[in-house]
Amino acid sequence: MKFTSVLVIAVLMAATSVNAQPREVLTLDLTSTQKRVQANTGDGFVVRIDNLNDTGWGWEIGVYRRGSEDNLLYPKGIWHGAFPCQIVAGPNQVFPDERVIQVRSTLKTLTVQLSGVLFEGTEPHYRFTGGLARVLWGSTSNKPIETDAKKPRGLPPR
């Protein structure tokens, strides 16, 4: 009976650690004039949101290992285009209001939740007039993403 109880507890603890609910690490008013907000995750990473509104690009969310400037929400190597870690004002929203992004080379996830988003202006000069972004930190049991756009994908051996 003791062995069964210990086994059940061990299985529950393992399931809880892998499937733990994400926890909020940052909340941001999209109309804020702050240049940067950031928070430590408590496990060696920093979540940072940079204000790019002066350039017309809204906000950019980044996950960094302490002491590094490599944003782990982007693939390694050369990349271009829209990414779910970017929050841009305007009618042509590419990504949904809730986005779960796996952090490169880790079993961590970052969830972005947008609510009450309002904007005004004309293309390409939209600006936020309302809205909130919540950023949550969590874990996944998925295989870590190891992308490198510089490496060509070869054909499998014959």
Foldseek 3Di string as FASTA:
>chain_A
DVVVVVVVVVVVVVCCQAPPDWAWFDKDKQQDPDQKDWGDPPPQKIWMKGAPLVVQFRIAIFIGGPPDPDGQQDAAEDDDDDGPRTDGDDDPDPDDQWDWTAGAPFQKIKIKHKPPWDWDDDPPNIGTPTIMIIITIGGHPDDHHHGHPVDDDDDDDD
